[in-house]
Amino acid sequence: MKLTELFKQNKYSLSFEVFPPKTDDVYDSVKTATEEIARLKPAFMSVTYGAGGGTSKYTLEIAKNIKAEFGVPSLAHLTCVSSTKETVRERIADIKKAGVQNVMALRGDIPKAMENADRSKWAYQHAVDLIADIKQSGGDFCIGGACYPEVHPESATQKEDIAYLKAKVDAGCDFLTTQMFFDNNLLYNFLYKIRQAGITVPVIPGIMPITNANQVERAIKLSGSFMPQRFKSLVDKFGNDPAAMKQAGIAYATDQIIDLYANGIYNVHVYSMNKPDVAAKIQSNLSDILGKNAE
């Protein structure tokens, strides 16, 4: 199932993101965690792609397993940073052969070993180049892209960032998924601006449940996310109590999702970090709202 078909239904939905193992020895445990999340029957599941393709061999395996064994539509991430055109063509062919219809096209994080490398000769400078190649590959894919409600870390201004985003959509991006954010007003303001810029594809908010205090610093580093005082107070109060912090983090994420639903957003994506218990609790907290779809 192409995700664009799901987004046309205007029904409340919840989807989850999982990631492949970083090393071979933990493959079984990661696969088990992704299967537990798949048993929750989310709207779809996305499977990430390691920096520089380091875990790419398992991305497609997990995406295929989710789709074949549990009937859950899968979204396979594909990054292009430092990749050759030939390598990307092979990966696109593998995705097509596996029967996975949905691809998340990303530039990807630049590996530390390549941070000071000369990028001028790289085949792919931006995600827009990858999106164009996927579109022209002959595969019938639904293509997703990333967006940043708080501006991409490498963009000088939000206006510049939105211009790049428009280029991705014009190249063939069918929908967008946001980076994590912790203040919904940032998303609502962002949506207004991109619609004014002529970007009309579906935008799926990405919510990250912060279930331990150590995640806060990483979240800020990854996305530059603004932390509202309400959220900071939560971490200050419960950060040293793992059980309380986990419960409070799930409650905060649930509250964000409810507010999104109440303000006209139907599809929400949760960065569940391979944590079936967190995914299950959030879904349970929203069961009656999600159940309205059947009425």
Protein backbone atom coordinates (compact mmCIF):
# COMPACT_ATOMS: atom_id res chain seq x y z
CA MET A 1 0.00 0.00 0.00
CA LYS A 2 1.30 3.40 -0.94
CA LEU A 3 1.25 5.78 2.00
CA THR A 4 -0.34 8.52 -0.09
CA GLU A 5 -3.45 6.32 -0.24
CA LEU A 6 -3.48 6.16 3.56
CA PHE A 7 -3.13 9.92 3.87
CA LYS A 8 -6.12 10.50 1.56
CA GLN A 9 -8.43 8.69 3.99
CA ASN A 10 -8.46 11.49 6.58
CA LYS A 11 -8.65 8.98 9.42
CA TYR A 12 -6.70 9.27 12.63
CA SER A 13 -3.62 7.10 12.41
CA LEU A 14 -0.44 6.36 14.30
CA SER A 15 2.77 5.01 12.79
CA PHE A 16 6.12 4.05 14.30
CA GLU A 17 9.76 4.26 13.33
CA VAL A 18 12.28 1.50 14.03
CA PHE A 19 15.95 1.13 13.25
CA PRO A 20 18.08 -1.81 12.12
CA PRO A 21 20.88 -3.23 14.30
CA LYS A 22 24.26 -1.53 14.29
CA THR A 23 26.05 -4.87 14.61
CA ASP A 24 25.26 -8.40 13.47
CA ASP A 25 25.20 -9.88 16.97
CA VAL A 26 22.09 -7.93 18.02
CA TYR A 27 20.08 -8.56 14.85
CA ASP A 28 17.75 -11.11 16.47
CA SER A 29 16.87 -8.87 19.42
CA VAL A 30 16.22 -5.88 17.15
CA LYS A 31 14.12 -7.99 14.80
CA THR A 32 12.07 -9.20 17.78
CA ALA A 33 11.48 -5.61 18.94
CA THR A 34 10.33 -4.52 15.48
CA GLU A 35 7.96 -7.49 15.31
CA GLU A 36 6.43 -6.61 18.68
CA ILE A 37 5.73 -3.12 17.37
CA ALA A 38 4.34 -4.56 14.13
CA ARG A 39 1.88 -6.65 16.16
CA LEU A 40 0.31 -3.39 17.32
CA LYS A 41 -0.87 -2.98 13.71
CA PRO A 42 0.17 0.64 13.23
CA ALA A 43 -0.79 2.51 10.07
CA PHE A 44 2.76 1.89 8.79
CA MET A 45 6.32 1.46 10.04
CA SER A 46 9.43 3.19 8.79
CA VAL A 47 12.85 1.55 8.94
CA THR A 48 15.88 3.83 9.15
CA TYR A 49 19.18 3.63 7.34
CA GLY A 50 22.55 3.87 9.06
CA ALA A 51 24.90 6.79 8.44
CA GLY A 52 26.79 6.13 5.24
CA GLY A 53 24.74 2.98 4.70
CA GLY A 54 26.40 1.21 7.64
CA THR A 55 23.29 -0.80 8.51
CA SER A 56 21.70 -0.77 5.06
CA LYS A 57 21.79 -4.54 4.64
CA TYR A 58 19.21 -4.93 7.40
CA THR A 59 16.93 -2.00 6.52
CA LEU A 60 15.31 -3.85 3.65
CA GLU A 61 15.19 -7.18 5.51
CA ILE A 62 13.22 -5.65 8.37
CA ALA A 63 10.97 -3.67 6.03
CA LYS A 64 10.18 -6.82 4.05
CA ASN A 65 9.49 -8.82 7.23
CA ILE A 66 7.10 -6.21 8.62
CA LYS A 67 5.14 -6.16 5.37
CA ALA A 68 5.13 -9.89 4.62
CA GLU A 69 4.61 -11.36 8.09
CA PHE A 70 2.39 -8.75 9.72
CA GLY A 71 0.66 -6.98 6.84
CA VAL A 72 1.93 -3.60 8.00
CA PRO A 73 2.90 -1.20 5.20
CA SER A 74 6.61 -0.42 5.40
CA LEU A 75 8.64 2.65 4.53
CA ALA A 76 12.29 1.92 3.78
CA HIS A 77 14.74 4.74 4.34
CA LEU A 78 17.41 5.35 1.71
CA THR A 79 20.29 7.79 2.12
CA CYS A 80 22.70 8.98 -0.54
CA VAL A 81 25.48 10.81 1.32
CA SER A 82 28.86 9.91 -0.23
CA SER A 83 27.19 7.21 -2.38
CA THR A 84 27.85 6.65 -6.08
CA LYS A 85 25.10 6.70 -8.69
CA GLU A 86 25.71 3.00 -9.31
CA THR A 87 25.31 2.10 -5.64
CA VAL A 88 22.06 4.02 -5.38
CA ARG A 89 20.70 2.38 -8.54
CA GLU A 90 21.44 -1.03 -7.02
CA ARG A 91 19.68 -0.11 -3.77
CA ILE A 92 16.63 1.21 -5.60
CA ALA A 93 16.50 -2.03 -7.61
CA ASP A 94 16.70 -4.06 -4.39
CA ILE A 95 13.80 -2.11 -2.86
CA LYS A 96 11.72 -2.63 -5.98
CA LYS A 97 12.52 -6.36 -6.06
CA ALA A 98 11.50 -6.68 -2.40
CA GLY A 99 8.06 -5.27 -3.21
CA VAL A 100 8.45 -2.29 -0.88
CA GLN A 101 6.48 0.59 -2.38
CA ASN A 102 7.42 3.40 -0.03
CA VAL A 103 10.85 5.03 0.15
CA MET A 104 12.06 7.78 2.49
CA ALA A 105 14.68 9.68 0.47
CA LEU A 106 17.28 11.39 2.64
CA ARG A 107 20.71 12.85 2.16
CA GLY A 108 21.70 11.32 5.49
CA ASP A 109 24.11 12.40 8.20
CA ILE A 110 27.67 12.88 7.05
CA PRO A 111 29.93 10.30 8.76
CA LYS A 112 32.49 11.83 11.11
CA ALA A 113 35.33 10.44 9.01
CA MET A 114 34.04 12.48 6.05
CA GLU A 115 33.16 15.75 7.76
CA ASN A 116 36.21 17.50 6.31
CA ALA A 117 36.14 15.74 2.96
CA ASP A 118 35.81 17.58 -0.36
CA ARG A 119 32.12 17.14 -1.18
CA SER A 120 32.23 18.92 -4.53
CA LYS A 121 32.76 15.68 -6.42
CA TRP A 122 30.11 13.67 -4.56
CA ALA A 123 27.37 12.34 -6.82
CA TYR A 124 24.72 13.52 -4.39
CA GLN A 125 24.87 16.91 -2.71
CA HIS A 126 21.29 17.05 -1.48
CA ALA A 127 18.25 14.81 -1.00
CA VAL A 128 16.63 16.44 -4.03
CA ASP A 129 19.17 14.65 -6.24
CA LEU A 130 18.21 11.29 -4.76
CA ILE A 131 14.49 12.01 -5.09
CA ALA A 132 14.95 12.81 -8.78
CA ASP A 133 16.83 9.55 -9.36
CA ILE A 134 14.19 7.48 -7.57
CA LYS A 135 11.47 9.18 -9.59
CA GLN A 136 13.32 8.45 -12.83
CA SER A 137 14.22 4.86 -11.92
CA GLY A 138 11.09 3.34 -13.41
CA GLY A 139 9.95 2.01 -10.05
CA ASP A 140 6.41 2.87 -8.97
CA PHE A 141 7.38 4.31 -5.58
CA CYS A 142 5.72 6.61 -3.11
CA ILE A 143 8.56 8.94 -2.10
CA GLY A 144 8.84 10.64 1.26
CA GLY A 145 11.17 13.43 2.35
CA ALA A 146 12.20 15.12 5.58
CA CYS A 147 11.36 18.62 6.76
CA TYR A 148 12.33 20.73 9.74
CA PRO A 149 9.71 22.88 11.49
CA GLU A 150 12.58 24.68 13.24
CA VAL A 151 14.84 25.05 10.15
CA HIS A 152 17.42 22.58 8.89
CA PRO A 153 20.68 22.98 10.88
CA GLU A 154 22.58 23.77 7.65
CA SER A 155 20.14 26.39 6.36
CA ALA A 156 20.87 30.05 7.02
CA THR A 157 17.19 31.02 7.21
CA GLN A 158 13.80 29.35 7.21
CA LYS A 159 13.03 31.02 3.89
CA GLU A 160 16.06 29.30 2.36
CA ASP A 161 15.08 26.00 3.98
CA ILE A 162 11.55 26.19 2.57
CA ALA A 163 12.95 26.92 -0.90
CA TYR A 164 15.00 23.71 -0.73
CA LEU A 165 11.89 21.89 0.50
CA LYS A 166 9.89 23.15 -2.47
CA ALA A 167 12.64 21.85 -4.77
CA LYS A 168 12.32 18.38 -3.22
CA VAL A 169 8.56 18.37 -3.75
CA ASP A 170 8.96 19.59 -7.33
CA ALA A 171 11.46 16.77 -7.95
CA GLY A 172 8.85 14.16 -7.01
CA CYS A 173 8.50 13.99 -3.22
CA ASP A 174 4.96 12.74 -2.43
CA PHE A 175 4.85 13.51 1.29
CA LEU A 176 6.99 14.96 4.07
CA THR A 177 7.74 13.79 7.60
CA THR A 178 8.96 16.32 10.15
CA GLN A 179 11.93 16.15 12.42
CA MET A 180 10.98 15.90 16.09
CA PHE A 181 9.57 18.97 17.83
CA PHE A 182 8.25 19.59 21.33
CA ASP A 183 6.07 22.64 20.82
CA ASN A 184 3.13 22.11 18.45
CA ASN A 185 2.86 25.82 17.72
CA LEU A 186 6.14 25.54 15.83
CA LEU A 187 4.54 22.99 13.52
CA TYR A 188 1.38 25.02 12.96
CA ASN A 189 3.44 28.08 12.05
CA PHE A 190 5.64 26.00 9.73
CA LEU A 191 2.62 24.50 7.96
CA TYR A 192 1.22 27.95 7.31
CA LYS A 193 4.50 29.10 5.78
CA ILE A 194 5.03 26.11 3.49
CA ARG A 195 1.44 26.20 2.26
CA GLN A 196 1.98 29.87 1.41
CA ALA A 197 5.07 28.77 -0.52
CA GLY A 198 3.00 26.36 -2.60
CA ILE A 199 3.95 23.10 -0.88
CA THR A 200 0.72 21.12 -0.76
CA VAL A 201 1.83 17.50 -0.18
CA PRO A 202 0.84 15.77 3.08
CA VAL A 203 3.05 16.63 6.07
CA ILE A 204 3.30 13.99 8.79
CA PRO A 205 4.37 15.30 12.21
CA GLY A 206 7.15 13.30 13.88
CA ILE A 207 6.90 12.98 17.66
CA MET A 208 9.74 11.74 19.87
CA PRO A 209 8.74 10.39 23.31
CA ILE A 210 11.57 11.40 25.66
CA THR A 211 11.58 8.58 28.21
CA ASN A 212 14.91 9.27 29.90
CA ALA A 213 16.79 12.46 30.67
CA ASN A 214 19.81 11.47 28.58
CA GLN A 215 17.69 11.68 25.42
CA VAL A 216 17.20 15.42 25.87
CA GLU A 217 20.76 16.41 24.98
CA ARG A 218 20.79 14.05 22.00
CA ALA A 219 17.45 15.39 20.75
CA ILE A 220 18.76 18.96 20.86
CA LYS A 221 21.99 17.94 19.11
CA LEU A 222 20.16 16.04 16.34
CA SER A 223 17.49 18.56 15.55
CA GLY A 224 18.23 21.76 17.40
CA SER A 225 14.79 21.35 18.93
CA PHE A 226 13.35 24.13 21.05
CA MET A 227 12.48 22.80 24.50
CA PRO A 228 9.42 24.57 26.00
CA GLN A 229 9.63 25.50 29.68
CA ARG A 230 6.83 23.04 30.36
CA PHE A 231 8.99 20.24 29.02
CA LYS A 232 12.12 21.46 30.81
CA SER A 233 10.20 21.46 34.10
CA LEU A 234 9.14 17.88 33.47
CA VAL A 235 12.75 16.79 32.98
CA ASP A 236 13.95 18.77 36.01
CA LYS A 237 11.32 17.17 38.20
CA PHE A 238 11.45 13.56 37.03
CA GLY A 239 14.78 13.21 35.21
CA ASN A 240 16.47 11.36 38.07
CA ASP A 241 13.62 8.87 38.49
CA PRO A 242 13.67 6.53 35.46
CA ALA A 243 10.18 5.11 35.96
CA ALA A 244 8.60 8.51 36.57
CA MET A 245 10.49 10.09 33.66
CA LYS A 246 9.34 7.35 31.32
CA GLN A 247 5.71 7.81 32.34
CA ALA A 248 5.94 11.60 32.11
CA GLY A 249 7.65 11.45 28.70
CA ILE A 250 4.97 9.18 27.30
CA ALA A 251 2.26 11.44 28.73
CA TYR A 252 3.87 14.52 27.16
CA ALA A 253 4.11 12.83 23.74
CA THR A 254 0.52 11.63 24.03
CA ASP A 255 -0.62 15.16 24.85
CA GLN A 256 1.19 16.50 21.78
CA ILE A 257 -0.51 13.91 19.56
CA ILE A 258 -3.97 14.64 20.97
CA ASP A 259 -3.46 18.34 20.31
CA LEU A 260 -2.39 17.57 16.72
CA TYR A 261 -5.49 15.45 16.16
CA ALA A 262 -7.68 18.15 17.66
CA ASN A 263 -6.22 20.70 15.25
CA GLY A 264 -6.88 18.90 12.01
CA ILE A 265 -3.87 16.58 11.78
CA TYR A 266 -4.84 12.96 11.03
CA ASN A 267 -1.54 11.12 10.65
CA VAL A 268 1.20 11.19 13.30
CA HIS A 269 4.54 9.37 13.21
CA VAL A 270 6.23 8.31 16.46
CA TYR A 271 9.99 7.87 16.76
CA SER A 272 9.59 4.82 18.96
CA MET A 273 13.30 3.90 19.12
CA ASN A 274 12.66 0.12 18.97
CA LYS A 275 10.77 0.29 22.27
CA PRO A 276 7.61 -1.84 21.97
CA ASP A 277 6.42 -0.91 25.46
CA VAL A 278 6.57 2.81 24.68
CA ALA A 279 4.80 2.33 21.34
CA ALA A 280 2.12 0.17 22.97
CA LYS A 281 1.47 2.63 25.79
CA ILE A 282 1.09 5.60 23.45
CA GLN A 283 -1.24 3.63 21.23
CA SER A 284 -3.26 2.52 24.27
CA ASN A 285 -3.52 6.13 25.48
CA LEU A 286 -5.09 7.00 22.12
CA SER A 287 -7.21 3.89 21.63
CA ASP A 288 -10.61 5.57 21.82
CA ILE A 289 -9.53 8.38 19.49
CA LEU A 290 -8.06 5.95 16.96
CA GLY A 291 -11.15 3.77 17.37
CA LYS A 292 -13.33 6.58 16.04
CA ASN A 293 -12.06 5.63 12.59
CA ALA A 294 -14.36 2.61 12.62
CA GLU A 295 -17.49 4.65 13.32
